[in-house]
N, C-alpha and C. Protein backbone atom coordinates (compact mmCIF):
# COMPACT_ATOMS: atom_id res chain seq x y z
N MET A 1 0.84 -1.18 0.00
CA MET A 1 0.00 0.00 0.00
C MET A 1 0.88 1.24 0.00
N TYR A 2 0.28 2.35 -0.26
CA TYR A 2 1.01 3.62 -0.31
C TYR A 2 0.61 4.49 0.88
N CYS A 3 1.59 5.21 1.42
CA CYS A 3 1.32 6.15 2.51
C CYS A 3 0.49 7.30 1.97
N ARG A 4 -0.58 7.62 2.68
CA ARG A 4 -1.45 8.72 2.21
C ARG A 4 -0.83 10.09 2.44
N ASN A 5 0.26 10.15 3.24
CA ASN A 5 0.91 11.42 3.50
C ASN A 5 2.08 11.68 2.55
N CYS A 6 3.01 10.71 2.47
CA CYS A 6 4.22 10.93 1.67
C CYS A 6 4.22 10.18 0.34
N GLY A 7 3.32 9.20 0.17
CA GLY A 7 3.21 8.48 -1.10
C GLY A 7 4.19 7.33 -1.27
N ASN A 8 5.02 7.05 -0.27
CA ASN A 8 5.97 5.94 -0.36
C ASN A 8 5.26 4.61 -0.21
N VAL A 9 5.83 3.58 -0.84
CA VAL A 9 5.29 2.23 -0.71
C VAL A 9 5.66 1.71 0.67
N ILE A 10 4.64 1.22 1.40
CA ILE A 10 4.86 0.67 2.74
C ILE A 10 4.18 -0.68 2.85
N ASP A 11 4.54 -1.43 3.89
CA ASP A 11 3.94 -2.74 4.14
C ASP A 11 2.45 -2.59 4.39
N ASP A 12 1.67 -3.56 3.93
CA ASP A 12 0.22 -3.52 4.09
C ASP A 12 -0.22 -3.56 5.55
N ASN A 13 0.61 -4.13 6.43
CA ASN A 13 0.26 -4.24 7.84
C ASN A 13 0.81 -3.10 8.70
N ALA A 14 1.54 -2.17 8.08
CA ALA A 14 2.17 -1.09 8.85
C ALA A 14 1.12 -0.17 9.45
N VAL A 15 1.26 0.10 10.74
CA VAL A 15 0.36 1.03 11.44
C VAL A 15 0.84 2.45 11.24
N ILE A 16 2.17 2.61 11.17
CA ILE A 16 2.80 3.92 10.98
C ILE A 16 3.74 3.83 9.80
N CYS A 17 3.76 4.85 8.96
CA CYS A 17 4.67 4.90 7.82
C CYS A 17 6.10 5.02 8.34
N PRO A 18 7.01 4.09 7.97
CA PRO A 18 8.39 4.17 8.45
C PRO A 18 9.16 5.35 7.86
N LYS A 19 8.66 5.93 6.79
CA LYS A 19 9.34 7.05 6.15
C LYS A 19 9.00 8.39 6.80
N CYS A 20 7.67 8.63 7.03
CA CYS A 20 7.27 9.95 7.54
C CYS A 20 6.67 9.90 8.93
N GLY A 21 6.32 8.72 9.44
CA GLY A 21 5.81 8.60 10.80
C GLY A 21 4.33 8.87 10.97
N VAL A 22 3.57 9.01 9.88
CA VAL A 22 2.14 9.28 9.96
C VAL A 22 1.38 7.96 10.03
N ALA A 23 0.29 7.95 10.83
CA ALA A 23 -0.54 6.74 10.95
C ALA A 23 -1.13 6.39 9.60
N THR A 24 -1.17 5.09 9.31
CA THR A 24 -1.65 4.62 8.00
C THR A 24 -3.14 4.33 7.97
N GLY A 25 -3.75 4.22 9.14
CA GLY A 25 -5.17 3.89 9.20
C GLY A 25 -5.42 2.41 9.45
N VAL A 26 -4.38 1.60 9.47
CA VAL A 26 -4.52 0.18 9.79
C VAL A 26 -4.64 0.07 11.30
N SER A 27 -5.71 -0.57 11.78
CA SER A 27 -5.88 -0.68 13.23
C SER A 27 -4.97 -1.75 13.79
N MET A 28 -4.73 -1.66 15.07
CA MET A 28 -3.86 -2.63 15.73
C MET A 28 -4.46 -4.03 15.70
N GLN A 29 -5.79 -4.16 15.67
CA GLN A 29 -6.40 -5.48 15.64
C GLN A 29 -6.21 -6.14 14.28
N GLN A 30 -6.05 -5.37 13.23
CA GLN A 30 -5.84 -5.94 11.90
C GLN A 30 -4.40 -6.42 11.73
N GLN A 31 -3.55 -5.98 12.61
CA GLN A 31 -2.14 -6.28 12.50
C GLN A 31 -1.85 -7.68 13.02
N ARG A 32 -0.93 -8.38 12.37
CA ARG A 32 -0.60 -9.74 12.81
C ARG A 32 0.74 -9.75 13.53
N THR A 33 0.97 -10.81 14.28
CA THR A 33 2.23 -10.98 15.00
C THR A 33 3.27 -11.59 14.07
N ASN A 34 4.46 -11.08 14.12
CA ASN A 34 5.55 -11.56 13.28
C ASN A 34 5.84 -13.03 13.59
N THR A 35 5.86 -13.84 12.55
CA THR A 35 6.06 -15.28 12.70
C THR A 35 7.44 -15.61 13.26
N LEU A 36 8.46 -14.91 12.80
CA LEU A 36 9.81 -15.17 13.31
C LEU A 36 9.94 -14.84 14.80
N ALA A 37 9.15 -13.90 15.28
CA ALA A 37 9.18 -13.58 16.71
C ALA A 37 8.68 -14.76 17.52
N ILE A 38 7.61 -15.38 17.03
CA ILE A 38 7.06 -16.56 17.71
C ILE A 38 8.05 -17.71 17.65
N VAL A 39 8.62 -17.95 16.47
CA VAL A 39 9.59 -19.04 16.30
C VAL A 39 10.83 -18.78 17.16
N GLY A 40 11.33 -17.55 17.16
CA GLY A 40 12.51 -17.21 17.94
C GLY A 40 12.29 -17.42 19.43
N PHE A 41 11.11 -17.03 19.91
CA PHE A 41 10.80 -17.22 21.33
C PHE A 41 10.74 -18.70 21.67
N ALA A 42 10.04 -19.48 20.86
CA ALA A 42 9.90 -20.91 21.12
C ALA A 42 11.26 -21.62 21.04
N MET A 43 12.04 -21.28 20.02
CA MET A 43 13.33 -21.94 19.83
C MET A 43 14.36 -21.55 20.89
N SER A 44 14.16 -20.42 21.55
CA SER A 44 15.11 -20.02 22.59
C SER A 44 15.13 -21.03 23.73
N PHE A 45 14.05 -21.77 23.92
CA PHE A 45 13.99 -22.80 24.96
C PHE A 45 14.53 -24.14 24.47
N ILE A 46 14.57 -24.34 23.15
CA ILE A 46 14.97 -25.64 22.59
C ILE A 46 16.41 -25.61 22.09
N VAL A 47 16.68 -24.71 21.14
CA VAL A 47 18.03 -24.55 20.57
C VAL A 47 18.34 -23.05 20.64
N ALA A 48 19.15 -22.68 21.61
CA ALA A 48 19.39 -21.26 21.91
C ALA A 48 19.94 -20.48 20.72
N LEU A 49 20.85 -21.07 19.96
CA LEU A 49 21.45 -20.35 18.84
C LEU A 49 20.41 -20.05 17.76
N VAL A 50 19.55 -21.01 17.48
CA VAL A 50 18.47 -20.79 16.49
C VAL A 50 17.51 -19.72 17.00
N GLY A 51 17.18 -19.78 18.29
CA GLY A 51 16.31 -18.77 18.89
C GLY A 51 16.91 -17.38 18.81
N LEU A 52 18.22 -17.29 19.02
CA LEU A 52 18.92 -16.01 18.95
C LEU A 52 18.85 -15.43 17.54
N ILE A 53 19.15 -16.26 16.55
CA ILE A 53 19.15 -15.79 15.16
C ILE A 53 17.75 -15.38 14.73
N CYS A 54 16.75 -16.20 15.03
CA CYS A 54 15.37 -15.87 14.65
C CYS A 54 14.89 -14.60 15.34
N SER A 55 15.24 -14.43 16.61
CA SER A 55 14.81 -13.25 17.34
C SER A 55 15.44 -11.98 16.79
N ILE A 56 16.71 -12.05 16.43
CA ILE A 56 17.37 -10.89 15.83
C ILE A 56 16.72 -10.53 14.49
N MET A 57 16.47 -11.54 13.67
CA MET A 57 15.82 -11.30 12.38
C MET A 57 14.41 -10.74 12.57
N ALA A 58 13.68 -11.26 13.56
CA ALA A 58 12.32 -10.79 13.82
C ALA A 58 12.31 -9.33 14.25
N ARG A 59 13.26 -8.94 15.11
CA ARG A 59 13.31 -7.54 15.54
C ARG A 59 13.55 -6.60 14.36
N ARG A 60 14.41 -7.01 13.44
CA ARG A 60 14.66 -6.18 12.25
C ARG A 60 13.41 -6.07 11.38
N GLN A 61 12.72 -7.21 11.18
CA GLN A 61 11.50 -7.20 10.37
C GLN A 61 10.42 -6.34 11.00
N ILE A 62 10.26 -6.45 12.32
CA ILE A 62 9.22 -5.70 13.02
C ILE A 62 9.47 -4.20 12.93
N LYS A 63 10.73 -3.79 13.03
CA LYS A 63 11.05 -2.37 12.91
C LYS A 63 10.67 -1.83 11.54
N GLU A 64 10.83 -2.66 10.51
CA GLU A 64 10.51 -2.22 9.14
C GLU A 64 9.01 -2.29 8.85
N SER A 65 8.35 -3.35 9.31
CA SER A 65 6.96 -3.57 8.92
C SER A 65 5.94 -3.02 9.90
N GLY A 66 6.33 -2.84 11.15
CA GLY A 66 5.39 -2.36 12.15
C GLY A 66 4.50 -3.46 12.70
N GLU A 67 4.83 -4.73 12.46
CA GLU A 67 4.04 -5.83 12.97
C GLU A 67 4.14 -5.90 14.49
N LYS A 68 3.25 -6.70 15.07
CA LYS A 68 3.32 -6.96 16.50
C LYS A 68 4.37 -8.04 16.75
N GLY A 69 4.81 -8.18 17.99
CA GLY A 69 5.72 -9.25 18.35
C GLY A 69 7.08 -8.79 18.83
N MET A 70 7.29 -7.49 19.00
CA MET A 70 8.58 -7.00 19.46
C MET A 70 8.91 -7.55 20.85
N GLY A 71 7.91 -7.67 21.72
CA GLY A 71 8.14 -8.22 23.05
C GLY A 71 8.57 -9.68 23.00
N LEU A 72 7.92 -10.47 22.13
CA LEU A 72 8.30 -11.87 21.97
C LEU A 72 9.73 -11.98 21.44
N ALA A 73 10.04 -11.16 20.44
CA ALA A 73 11.38 -11.20 19.85
C ALA A 73 12.44 -10.80 20.88
N THR A 74 12.15 -9.79 21.67
CA THR A 74 13.09 -9.35 22.70
C THR A 74 13.26 -10.42 23.78
N ALA A 75 12.16 -11.03 24.19
CA ALA A 75 12.24 -12.10 25.19
C ALA A 75 13.04 -13.28 24.64
N GLY A 76 12.80 -13.65 23.39
CA GLY A 76 13.57 -14.74 22.77
C GLY A 76 15.05 -14.41 22.71
N LEU A 77 15.35 -13.15 22.40
CA LEU A 77 16.74 -12.71 22.35
C LEU A 77 17.41 -12.82 23.72
N ILE A 78 16.76 -12.32 24.75
CA ILE A 78 17.33 -12.35 26.10
C ILE A 78 17.47 -13.77 26.61
N ILE A 79 16.44 -14.58 26.44
CA ILE A 79 16.50 -15.97 26.91
C ILE A 79 17.62 -16.72 26.20
N SER A 80 17.76 -16.52 24.90
CA SER A 80 18.81 -17.20 24.13
C SER A 80 20.19 -16.78 24.61
N ILE A 81 20.39 -15.50 24.84
CA ILE A 81 21.70 -15.01 25.29
C ILE A 81 22.03 -15.58 26.67
N VAL A 82 21.07 -15.54 27.58
CA VAL A 82 21.31 -16.08 28.93
C VAL A 82 21.62 -17.57 28.85
N GLU A 83 20.87 -18.29 28.04
CA GLU A 83 21.10 -19.74 27.90
C GLU A 83 22.49 -20.03 27.33
N ILE A 84 22.90 -19.29 26.32
CA ILE A 84 24.23 -19.49 25.72
C ILE A 84 25.33 -19.18 26.74
N VAL A 85 25.18 -18.10 27.49
CA VAL A 85 26.16 -17.76 28.52
C VAL A 85 26.24 -18.86 29.57
N LEU A 86 25.10 -19.39 29.97
CA LEU A 86 25.09 -20.48 30.95
C LEU A 86 25.76 -21.74 30.39
N TYR A 87 25.51 -22.05 29.12
CA TYR A 87 26.17 -23.20 28.49
C TYR A 87 27.69 -23.03 28.48
N VAL A 88 28.15 -21.85 28.11
CA VAL A 88 29.59 -21.59 28.07
C VAL A 88 30.18 -21.71 29.48
N PHE A 89 29.50 -21.16 30.47
CA PHE A 89 29.96 -21.27 31.85
C PHE A 89 30.01 -22.73 32.29
N LEU A 90 28.98 -23.50 31.97
CA LEU A 90 28.93 -24.91 32.34
C LEU A 90 30.08 -25.69 31.69
N VAL A 91 30.35 -25.43 30.43
CA VAL A 91 31.46 -26.10 29.74
C VAL A 91 32.79 -25.74 30.40
N MET A 92 32.97 -24.48 30.76
CA MET A 92 34.22 -24.08 31.42
C MET A 92 34.38 -24.78 32.76
N VAL A 93 33.32 -24.87 33.54
CA VAL A 93 33.37 -25.55 34.83
C VAL A 93 33.70 -27.03 34.64
N MET A 94 33.07 -27.64 33.64
CA MET A 94 33.34 -29.06 33.38
C MET A 94 34.80 -29.27 32.96
N MET A 95 35.34 -28.37 32.16
CA MET A 95 36.74 -28.49 31.75
C MET A 95 37.68 -28.36 32.94
N ILE A 96 37.37 -27.45 33.85
CA ILE A 96 38.19 -27.27 35.05
C ILE A 96 38.12 -28.52 35.92
N VAL A 97 36.93 -29.07 36.09
CA VAL A 97 36.76 -30.28 36.90
C VAL A 97 37.55 -31.44 36.29
N VAL A 98 37.48 -31.61 34.99
CA VAL A 98 38.21 -32.69 34.31
C VAL A 98 39.72 -32.46 34.44
N ALA A 99 40.16 -31.23 34.29
CA ALA A 99 41.60 -30.93 34.41
C ALA A 99 42.10 -31.22 35.82
N ILE A 100 41.30 -30.88 36.82
CA ILE A 100 41.68 -31.16 38.21
C ILE A 100 41.72 -32.66 38.45
N ALA A 101 40.71 -33.37 37.93
CA ALA A 101 40.65 -34.81 38.12
C ALA A 101 41.82 -35.52 37.44
N LEU A 102 42.20 -35.07 36.28
CA LEU A 102 43.33 -35.67 35.57
C LEU A 102 44.67 -35.32 36.21
N GLY A 103 44.72 -34.20 36.85
CA GLY A 103 45.94 -33.74 37.49
C GLY A 103 46.26 -34.47 38.77
N HIS A 104 45.26 -35.09 39.39
CA HIS A 104 45.44 -35.79 40.66
C HIS A 104 45.76 -37.27 40.49
N GLU A 105 45.90 -37.73 39.30
CA GLU A 105 46.18 -39.16 39.09
C GLU A 105 47.63 -39.47 39.22
């Protein structure tokens, strides 16, 4: 669709024109939630790296299109980062434990 203020081509679901900032007339109820935001949030609990990538991509898409789901994408991003940091910490602790155990033989 075209912005009624500036005439630029914008996403059909955009509530606000990303070029000029004027409301497009699309109501919030007509707007859909970004699919990648949902996938990123769900995957953050299963495979953290996939959740991280999907959440980053979803945040970029939402900024451009004006879709709903920024909270889901942000939550997926945070959960994925925390999970990855915990995995790295756990691996480091396990390496230290193995090194200590091998050193005492």
